[in-house]
Amino acid sequence: MLLNEFLKEHCKVEELKSAVSKQGATIAQQDRKIHEQEATITAAGKGMNAVTARLEEQASQIQKVSGRAPSKQPAPKSSSISERAVSGR
């Protein structure tokens, strides 16, 4: 009877060891994925910073050009010689 109980407990211990081993492998795999995702996030952040810097530079250039551009007043309409001849002017 004592041997039987010992064998049952031994089987339980072996099953638990196996479960712990599988969990350890799963944890290691998840850790690798986390590191890959962190690297991807870092790269995406750097890319976003570069895009933001370019966007700010373009906005600055647009402001400079807008400040130099003449005001948008409609240009006086001049009729060409051919238009005058057609209209009879």
PDB file of N, CA and C in Angstrom:
ATOM      1  N   MET A   1       0.823  -1.180   0.000  1.00  0.00           N
ATOM      2  CA  MET A   1       0.000   0.000   0.000  1.00  0.00           C
ATOM      3  C   MET A   1       0.875   1.255   0.000  1.00  0.00           C
ATOM      4  N   LEU A   2       1.902   1.255   0.806  1.00  0.00           N
ATOM      5  CA  LEU A   2       2.801   2.386   0.895  1.00  0.00           C
ATOM      6  C   LEU A   2       3.547   2.583  -0.427  1.00  0.00           C
ATOM      7  N   LEU A   3       3.956   1.517  -1.045  1.00  0.00           N
ATOM      8  CA  LEU A   3       4.647   1.591  -2.323  1.00  0.00           C
ATOM      9  C   LEU A   3       3.708   2.146  -3.395  1.00  0.00           C
ATOM     10  N   ASN A   4       2.459   1.734  -3.371  1.00  0.00           N
ATOM     11  CA  ASN A   4       1.458   2.187  -4.328  1.00  0.00           C
ATOM     12  C   ASN A   4       1.254   3.699  -4.212  1.00  0.00           C
ATOM     13  N   GLU A   5       1.165   4.200  -2.995  1.00  0.00           N
ATOM     14  CA  GLU A   5       0.990   5.640  -2.780  1.00  0.00           C
ATOM     15  C   GLU A   5       2.225   6.407  -3.247  1.00  0.00           C
ATOM     16  N   PHE A   6       3.385   5.834  -2.961  1.00  0.00           N
ATOM     17  CA  PHE A   6       4.623   6.466  -3.395  1.00  0.00           C
ATOM     18  C   PHE A   6       4.674   6.572  -4.915  1.00  0.00           C
ATOM     19  N   LEU A   7       4.286   5.518  -5.618  1.00  0.00           N
ATOM     20  CA  LEU A   7       4.305   5.527  -7.083  1.00  0.00           C
ATOM     21  C   LEU A   7       3.322   6.559  -7.644  1.00  0.00           C
ATOM     22  N   LYS A   8       2.158   6.685  -7.017  1.00  0.00           N
ATOM     23  CA  LYS A   8       1.179   7.678  -7.463  1.00  0.00           C
ATOM     24  C   LYS A   8       1.752   9.094  -7.312  1.00  0.00           C
ATOM     25  N   GLU A   9       2.352   9.346  -6.175  1.00  0.00           N
ATOM     26  CA  GLU A   9       2.929  10.666  -5.924  1.00  0.00           C
ATOM     27  C   GLU A   9       4.103  10.940  -6.862  1.00  0.00           C
ATOM     28  N   HIS A  10       4.880   9.886  -7.114  1.00  0.00           N
ATOM     29  CA  HIS A  10       6.011  10.028  -8.026  1.00  0.00           C
ATOM     30  C   HIS A  10       5.523  10.404  -9.431  1.00  0.00           C
ATOM     31  N   CYS A  11       4.450   9.769  -9.875  1.00  0.00           N
ATOM     32  CA  CYS A  11       3.867  10.096 -11.190  1.00  0.00           C
ATOM     33  C   CYS A  11       3.398  11.548 -11.215  1.00  0.00           C
ATOM     34  N   LYS A  12       2.778  11.993 -10.133  1.00  0.00           N
ATOM     35  CA  LYS A  12       2.320  13.383 -10.056  1.00  0.00           C
ATOM     36  C   LYS A  12       3.495  14.353 -10.157  1.00  0.00           C
ATOM     37  N   VAL A  13       4.573  14.003  -9.452  1.00  0.00           N
ATOM     38  CA  VAL A  13       5.764  14.859  -9.484  1.00  0.00           C
ATOM     39  C   VAL A  13       6.336  14.911 -10.896  1.00  0.00           C
ATOM     40  N   GLU A  14       6.397  13.785 -11.570  1.00  0.00           N
ATOM     41  CA  GLU A  14       6.911  13.737 -12.940  1.00  0.00           C
ATOM     42  C   GLU A  14       6.032  14.560 -13.875  1.00  0.00           C
ATOM     43  N   GLU A  15       4.717  14.480 -13.711  1.00  0.00           N
ATOM     44  CA  GLU A  15       3.790  15.263 -14.532  1.00  0.00           C
ATOM     45  C   GLU A  15       4.002  16.759 -14.282  1.00  0.00           C
ATOM     46  N   LEU A  16       4.180  17.128 -13.028  1.00  0.00           N
ATOM     47  CA  LEU A  16       4.410  18.531 -12.693  1.00  0.00           C
ATOM     48  C   LEU A  16       5.735  19.029 -13.274  1.00  0.00           C
ATOM     49  N   LYS A  17       6.766  18.191 -13.230  1.00  0.00           N
ATOM     50  CA  LYS A  17       8.057  18.562 -13.822  1.00  0.00           C
ATOM     51  C   LYS A  17       7.904  18.806 -15.319  1.00  0.00           C
ATOM     52  N   SER A  18       7.150  17.927 -15.962  1.00  0.00           N
ATOM     53  CA  SER A  18       6.920  18.060 -17.395  1.00  0.00           C
ATOM     54  C   SER A  18       6.167  19.359 -17.696  1.00  0.00           C
ATOM     55  N   ALA A  19       5.150  19.649 -16.885  1.00  0.00           N
ATOM     56  CA  ALA A  19       4.373  20.878 -17.077  1.00  0.00           C
ATOM     57  C   ALA A  19       5.246  22.115 -16.886  1.00  0.00           C
ATOM     58  N   VAL A  20       6.101  22.098 -15.878  1.00  0.00           N
ATOM     59  CA  VAL A  20       7.003  23.225 -15.619  1.00  0.00           C
ATOM     60  C   VAL A  20       7.969  23.402 -16.786  1.00  0.00           C
ATOM     61  N   SER A  21       8.456  22.314 -17.317  1.00  0.00           N
ATOM     62  CA  SER A  21       9.383  22.369 -18.441  1.00  0.00           C
ATOM     63  C   SER A  21       8.701  22.992 -19.664  1.00  0.00           C
ATOM     64  N   LYS A  22       7.477  22.572 -19.944  1.00  0.00           N
ATOM     65  CA  LYS A  22       6.725  23.129 -21.080  1.00  0.00           C
ATOM     66  C   LYS A  22       6.455  24.620 -20.871  1.00  0.00           C
ATOM     67  N   GLN A  23       6.106  24.973 -19.635  1.00  0.00           N
ATOM     68  CA  GLN A  23       5.861  26.380 -19.338  1.00  0.00           C
ATOM     69  C   GLN A  23       7.124  27.209 -19.501  1.00  0.00           C
ATOM     70  N   GLY A  24       8.251  26.642 -19.109  1.00  0.00           N
ATOM     71  CA  GLY A  24       9.528  27.340 -19.275  1.00  0.00           C
ATOM     72  C   GLY A  24       9.825  27.597 -20.741  1.00  0.00           C
ATOM     73  N   ALA A  25       9.557  26.596 -21.591  1.00  0.00           N
ATOM     74  CA  ALA A  25       9.776  26.769 -23.031  1.00  0.00           C
ATOM     75  C   ALA A  25       8.838  27.839 -23.591  1.00  0.00           C
ATOM     76  N   THR A  26       7.596  27.834 -23.138  1.00  0.00           N
ATOM     77  CA  THR A  26       6.622  28.830 -23.596  1.00  0.00           C
ATOM     78  C   THR A  26       7.047  30.232 -23.167  1.00  0.00           C
ATOM     79  N   ILE A  27       7.510  30.354 -21.946  1.00  0.00           N
ATOM     80  CA  ILE A  27       7.967  31.652 -21.437  1.00  0.00           C
ATOM     81  C   ILE A  27       9.153  32.154 -22.252  1.00  0.00           C
ATOM     82  N   ALA A  28      10.085  31.271 -22.557  1.00  0.00           N
ATOM     83  CA  ALA A  28      11.258  31.668 -23.346  1.00  0.00           C
ATOM     84  C   ALA A  28      10.831  32.140 -24.737  1.00  0.00           C
ATOM     85  N   GLN A  29       9.880  31.433 -25.336  1.00  0.00           N
ATOM     86  CA  GLN A  29       9.384  31.822 -26.652  1.00  0.00           C
ATOM     87  C   GLN A  29       8.689  33.186 -26.582  1.00  0.00           C
ATOM     88  N   GLN A  30       7.903  33.408 -25.558  1.00  0.00           N
ATOM     89  CA  GLN A  30       7.215  34.683 -25.395  1.00  0.00           C
ATOM     90  C   GLN A  30       8.211  35.816 -25.159  1.00  0.00           C
ATOM     91  N   ASP A  31       9.263  35.541 -24.410  1.00  0.00           N
ATOM     92  CA  ASP A  31      10.304  36.545 -24.188  1.00  0.00           C
ATOM     93  C   ASP A  31      10.958  36.955 -25.504  1.00  0.00           C
ATOM     94  N   ARG A  32      11.230  35.971 -26.378  1.00  0.00           N
ATOM     95  CA  ARG A  32      11.813  36.289 -27.685  1.00  0.00           C
ATOM     96  C   ARG A  32      10.865  37.171 -28.492  1.00  0.00           C
ATOM     97  N   LYS A  33       9.587  36.843 -28.472  1.00  0.00           N
ATOM     98  CA  LYS A  33       8.602  37.642 -29.211  1.00  0.00           C
ATOM     99  C   LYS A  33       8.517  39.057 -28.652  1.00  0.00           C
ATOM    100  N   ILE A  34       8.587  39.186 -27.356  1.00  0.00           N
ATOM    101  CA  ILE A  34       8.535  40.509 -26.717  1.00  0.00           C
ATOM    102  C   ILE A  34       9.721  41.345 -27.170  1.00  0.00           C
ATOM    103  N   HIS A  35      10.911  40.749 -27.195  1.00  0.00           N
ATOM    104  CA  HIS A  35      12.101  41.485 -27.624  1.00  0.00           C
ATOM    105  C   HIS A  35      11.985  41.896 -29.091  1.00  0.00           C
ATOM    106  N   GLU A  36      11.443  41.013 -29.929  1.00  0.00           N
ATOM    107  CA  GLU A  36      11.244  41.355 -31.340  1.00  0.00           C
ATOM    108  C   GLU A  36      10.261  42.513 -31.474  1.00  0.00           C
ATOM    109  N   GLN A  37       9.180  42.476 -30.713  1.00  0.00           N
ATOM    110  CA  GLN A  37       8.180  43.540 -30.776  1.00  0.00           C
ATOM    111  C   GLN A  37       8.748  44.857 -30.262  1.00  0.00           C
ATOM    112  N   GLU A  38       9.562  44.795 -29.221  1.00  0.00           N
ATOM    113  CA  GLU A  38      10.194  46.015 -28.712  1.00  0.00           C
ATOM    114  C   GLU A  38      11.102  46.628 -29.768  1.00  0.00           C
ATOM    115  N   ALA A  39      11.837  45.788 -30.484  1.00  0.00           N
ATOM    116  CA  ALA A  39      12.711  46.286 -31.543  1.00  0.00           C
ATOM    117  C   ALA A  39      11.881  46.908 -32.669  1.00  0.00           C
ATOM    118  N   THR A  40      10.771  46.280 -33.012  1.00  0.00           N
ATOM    119  CA  THR A  40       9.887  46.812 -34.051  1.00  0.00           C
ATOM    120  C   THR A  40       9.301  48.151 -33.625  1.00  0.00           C
ATOM    121  N   ILE A  41       8.882  48.245 -32.383  1.00  0.00           N
ATOM    122  CA  ILE A  41       8.310  49.488 -31.859  1.00  0.00           C
ATOM    123  C   ILE A  41       9.357  50.596 -31.870  1.00  0.00           C
ATOM    124  N   THR A  42      10.580  50.278 -31.481  1.00  0.00           N
ATOM    125  CA  THR A  42      11.656  51.265 -31.476  1.00  0.00           C
ATOM    126  C   THR A  42      11.926  51.767 -32.892  1.00  0.00           C
ATOM    127  N   ALA A  43      11.982  50.840 -33.842  1.00  0.00           N
ATOM    128  CA  ALA A  43      12.227  51.228 -35.237  1.00  0.00           C
ATOM    129  C   ALA A  43      11.077  52.090 -35.764  1.00  0.00           C
ATOM    130  N   ALA A  44       9.853  51.726 -35.428  1.00  0.00           N
ATOM    131  CA  ALA A  44       8.696  52.509 -35.879  1.00  0.00           C
ATOM    132  C   ALA A  44       8.732  53.906 -35.266  1.00  0.00           C
ATOM    133  N   GLY A  45       9.124  53.987 -34.009  1.00  0.00           N
ATOM    134  CA  GLY A  45       9.235  55.292 -33.349  1.00  0.00           C
ATOM    135  C   GLY A  45      10.266  56.172 -34.023  1.00  0.00           C
ATOM    136  N   LYS A  46      11.406  55.592 -34.390  1.00  0.00           N
ATOM    137  CA  LYS A  46      12.448  56.353 -35.082  1.00  0.00           C
ATOM    138  C   LYS A  46      11.938  56.828 -36.438  1.00  0.00           C
ATOM    139  N   GLY A  47      11.206  55.953 -37.123  1.00  0.00           N
ATOM    140  CA  GLY A  47      10.632  56.335 -38.416  1.00  0.00           C
ATOM    141  C   GLY A  47       9.629  57.465 -38.271  1.00  0.00           C
ATOM    142  N   MET A  48       8.812  57.389 -37.247  1.00  0.00           N
ATOM    143  CA  MET A  48       7.830  58.449 -37.012  1.00  0.00           C
ATOM    144  C   MET A  48       8.534  59.767 -36.689  1.00  0.00           C
ATOM    145  N   ASN A  49       9.605  59.710 -35.931  1.00  0.00           N
ATOM    146  CA  ASN A  49      10.363  60.925 -35.618  1.00  0.00           C
ATOM    147  C   ASN A  49      10.931  61.545 -36.888  1.00  0.00           C
ATOM    148  N   ALA A  50      11.424  60.714 -37.780  1.00  0.00           N
ATOM    149  CA  ALA A  50      11.976  61.216 -39.042  1.00  0.00           C
ATOM    150  C   ALA A  50      10.880  61.861 -39.882  1.00  0.00           C
ATOM    151  N   VAL A  51       9.723  61.224 -39.952  1.00  0.00           N
ATOM    152  CA  VAL A  51       8.605  61.779 -40.722  1.00  0.00           C
ATOM    153  C   VAL A  51       8.142  63.094 -40.104  1.00  0.00           C
ATOM    154  N   THR A  52       8.061  63.144 -38.797  1.00  0.00           N
ATOM    155  CA  THR A  52       7.649  64.369 -38.110  1.00  0.00           C
ATOM    156  C   THR A  52       8.632  65.498 -38.394  1.00  0.00           C
ATOM    157  N   ALA A  53       9.914  65.199 -38.359  1.00  0.00           N
ATOM    158  CA  ALA A  53      10.931  66.221 -38.634  1.00  0.00           C
ATOM    159  C   ALA A  53      10.788  66.740 -40.067  1.00  0.00           C
ATOM    160  N   ARG A  54      10.574  65.842 -41.028  1.00  0.00           N
ATOM    161  CA  ARG A  54      10.396  66.273 -42.417  1.00  0.00           C
ATOM    162  C   ARG A  54       9.144  67.113 -42.575  1.00  0.00           C
ATOM    163  N   LEU A  55       8.087  66.710 -41.888  1.00  0.00           N
ATOM    164  CA  LEU A  55       6.833  67.458 -41.961  1.00  0.00           C
ATOM    165  C   LEU A  55       7.006  68.863 -41.388  1.00  0.00           C
ATOM    166  N   GLU A  56       7.695  68.974 -40.275  1.00  0.00           N
ATOM    167  CA  GLU A  56       7.948  70.286 -39.679  1.00  0.00           C
ATOM    168  C   GLU A  56       8.815  71.144 -40.598  1.00  0.00           C
ATOM    169  N   GLU A  57       9.788  70.525 -41.235  1.00  0.00           N
ATOM    170  CA  GLU A  57      10.651  71.256 -42.165  1.00  0.00           C
ATOM    171  C   GLU A  57       9.837  71.764 -43.354  1.00  0.00           C
ATOM    172  N   GLN A  58       8.950  70.931 -43.876  1.00  0.00           N
ATOM    173  CA  GLN A  58       8.113  71.340 -44.999  1.00  0.00           C
ATOM    174  C   GLN A  58       7.158  72.463 -44.589  1.00  0.00           C
ATOM    175  N   ALA A  59       6.610  72.368 -43.380  1.00  0.00           N
ATOM    176  CA  ALA A  59       5.707  73.420 -42.901  1.00  0.00           C
ATOM    177  C   ALA A  59       6.466  74.740 -42.789  1.00  0.00           C
ATOM    178  N   SER A  60       7.700  74.682 -42.318  1.00  0.00           N
ATOM    179  CA  SER A  60       8.526  75.883 -42.210  1.00  0.00           C
ATOM    180  C   SER A  60       8.799  76.464 -43.592  1.00  0.00           C
ATOM    181  N   GLN A  61       9.115  75.615 -44.544  1.00  0.00           N
ATOM    182  CA  GLN A  61       9.378  76.080 -45.908  1.00  0.00           C
ATOM    183  C   GLN A  61       8.124  76.695 -46.525  1.00  0.00           C
ATOM    184  N   ILE A  62       6.981  76.095 -46.270  1.00  0.00           N
ATOM    185  CA  ILE A  62       5.716  76.628 -46.791  1.00  0.00           C
ATOM    186  C   ILE A  62       5.454  78.012 -46.203  1.00  0.00           C
ATOM    187  N   GLN A  63       5.717  78.175 -44.925  1.00  0.00           N
ATOM    188  CA  GLN A  63       5.518  79.483 -44.295  1.00  0.00           C
ATOM    189  C   GLN A  63       6.456  80.522 -44.901  1.00  0.00           C
ATOM    190  N   LYS A  64       7.702  80.148 -45.141  1.00  0.00           N
ATOM    191  CA  LYS A  64       8.650  81.076 -45.748  1.00  0.00           C
ATOM    192  C   LYS A  64       8.186  81.491 -47.141  1.00  0.00           C
ATOM    193  N   VAL A  65       7.768  80.505 -47.928  1.00  0.00           N
ATOM    194  CA  VAL A  65       7.313  80.784 -49.293  1.00  0.00           C
ATOM    195  C   VAL A  65       6.031  81.603 -49.261  1.00  0.00           C
ATOM    196  N   SER A  66       5.141  81.308 -48.354  1.00  0.00           N
ATOM    197  CA  SER A  66       3.889  82.055 -48.245  1.00  0.00           C
ATOM    198  C   SER A  66       4.159  83.504 -47.880  1.00  0.00           C
ATOM    199  N   GLY A  67       5.156  83.746 -47.071  1.00  0.00           N
ATOM    200  CA  GLY A  67       5.511  85.103 -46.692  1.00  0.00           C
ATOM    201  C   GLY A  67       6.111  85.883 -47.845  1.00  0.00           C
ATOM    202  N   ARG A  68       6.764  85.208 -48.778  1.00  0.00           N
ATOM    203  CA  ARG A  68       7.393  85.861 -49.931  1.00  0.00           C
ATOM    204  C   ARG A  68       6.432  85.997 -51.099  1.00  0.00           C
ATOM    205  N   ALA A  69       5.408  85.176 -51.152  1.00  0.00           N
ATOM    206  CA  ALA A  69       4.502  85.169 -52.307  1.00  0.00           C
ATOM    207  C   ALA A  69       3.662  86.436 -52.322  1.00  0.00           C
ATOM    208  N   PRO A  70       3.429  86.998 -53.499  1.00  0.00           N
ATOM    209  CA  PRO A  70       2.566  88.174 -53.575  1.00  0.00           C
ATOM    210  C   PRO A  70       1.136  87.791 -53.222  1.00  0.00           C
ATOM    211  N   SER A  71       0.380  88.773 -52.775  1.00  0.00           N
ATOM    212  CA  SER A  71      -1.003  88.471 -52.413  1.00  0.00           C
ATOM    213  C   SER A  71      -1.756  88.045 -53.653  1.00  0.00           C
ATOM    214  N   LYS A  72      -2.715  87.214 -53.473  1.00  0.00           N
ATOM    215  CA  LYS A  72      -3.449  86.668 -54.609  1.00  0.00           C
ATOM    216  C   LYS A  72      -4.602  87.605 -54.972  1.00  0.00           C
ATOM    217  N   GLN A  73      -4.312  88.521 -55.857  1.00  0.00           N
ATOM    218  CA  GLN A  73      -5.352  89.381 -56.400  1.00  0.00           C
ATOM    219  C   GLN A  73      -5.580  88.931 -57.823  1.00  0.00           C
ATOM    220  N   PRO A  74      -6.825  88.947 -58.253  1.00  0.00           N
ATOM    221  CA  PRO A  74      -7.056  88.506 -59.629  1.00  0.00           C
ATOM    222  C   PRO A  74      -6.326  89.422 -60.615  1.00  0.00           C
ATOM    223  N   ALA A  75      -5.610  88.812 -61.516  1.00  0.00           N
ATOM    224  CA  ALA A  75      -4.874  89.574 -62.513  1.00  0.00           C
ATOM    225  C   ALA A  75      -5.864  90.223 -63.472  1.00  0.00           C
ATOM    226  N   PRO A  76      -5.570  91.446 -63.917  1.00  0.00           N
ATOM    227  CA  PRO A  76      -6.492  92.080 -64.860  1.00  0.00           C
ATOM    228  C   PRO A  76      -6.534  91.261 -66.138  1.00  0.00           C
ATOM    229  N   LYS A  77      -7.739  91.129 -66.627  1.00  0.00           N
ATOM    230  CA  LYS A  77      -7.920  90.295 -67.816  1.00  0.00           C
ATOM    231  C   LYS A  77      -7.599  91.130 -69.046  1.00  0.00           C
ATOM    232  N   SER A  78      -6.627  90.689 -69.786  1.00  0.00           N
ATOM    233  CA  SER A  78      -6.287  91.395 -71.011  1.00  0.00           C
ATOM    234  C   SER A  78      -6.761  90.563 -72.178  1.00  0.00           C
ATOM    235  N   SER A  79      -7.386  91.218 -73.103  1.00  0.00           N
ATOM    236  CA  SER A  79      -7.889  90.472 -74.250  1.00  0.00           C
ATOM    237  C   SER A  79      -6.833  90.489 -75.334  1.00  0.00           C
ATOM    238  N   SER A  80      -6.718  89.388 -75.980  1.00  0.00           N
ATOM    239  CA  SER A  80      -5.722  89.281 -77.035  1.00  0.00           C
ATOM    240  C   SER A  80      -6.272  89.901 -78.310  1.00  0.00           C
ATOM    241  N   ILE A  81      -5.401  90.085 -79.240  1.00  0.00           N
ATOM    242  CA  ILE A  81      -5.803  90.705 -80.519  1.00  0.00           C
ATOM    243  C   ILE A  81      -6.834  89.829 -81.215  1.00  0.00           C
ATOM    244  N   SER A  82      -6.661  88.525 -81.184  1.00  0.00           N
ATOM    245  CA  SER A  82      -7.602  87.645 -81.861  1.00  0.00           C
ATOM    246  C   SER A  82      -8.977  87.691 -81.212  1.00  0.00           C
ATOM    247  N   GLU A  83      -9.008  87.857 -79.865  1.00  0.00           N
ATOM    248  CA  GLU A  83     -10.296  87.968 -79.185  1.00  0.00           C
ATOM    249  C   GLU A  83     -11.002  89.267 -79.560  1.00  0.00           C
ATOM    250  N   ARG A  84     -10.242  90.354 -79.705  1.00  0.00           N
ATOM    251  CA  ARG A  84     -10.839  91.635 -80.088  1.00  0.00           C
ATOM    252  C   ARG A  84     -11.390  91.563 -81.506  1.00  0.00           C
ATOM    253  N   ALA A  85     -10.670  90.880 -82.358  1.00  0.00           N
ATOM    254  CA  ALA A  85     -11.130  90.787 -83.743  1.00  0.00           C
ATOM    255  C   ALA A  85     -12.414  89.997 -83.819  1.00  0.00           C
ATOM    256  N   VAL A  86     -12.561  88.958 -82.984  1.00  0.00           N
ATOM    257  CA  VAL A  86     -13.765  88.135 -83.007  1.00  0.00           C
ATOM    258  C   VAL A  86     -14.942  88.905 -82.432  1.00  0.00           C
ATOM    259  N   SER A  87     -14.706  89.666 -81.371  1.00  0.00           N
ATOM    260  CA  SER A  87     -15.791  90.368 -80.715  1.00  0.00           C
ATOM    261  C   SER A  87     -16.124  91.682 -81.399  1.00  0.00           C
ATOM    262  N   GLY A  88     -15.289  92.120 -82.283  1.00  0.00           N
ATOM    263  CA  GLY A  88     -15.556  93.335 -83.042  1.00  0.00           C
ATOM    264  C   GLY A  88     -15.093  94.593 -82.346  1.00  0.00           C
ATOM    265  N   ARG A  89     -14.199  94.548 -81.462  1.00  0.00           N
ATOM    266  CA  ARG A  89     -13.679  95.724 -80.757  1.00  0.00           C
ATOM    267  C   ARG A  89     -12.706  96.470 -81.578  1.00  0.00           C
TER     268      ARG A  89
END
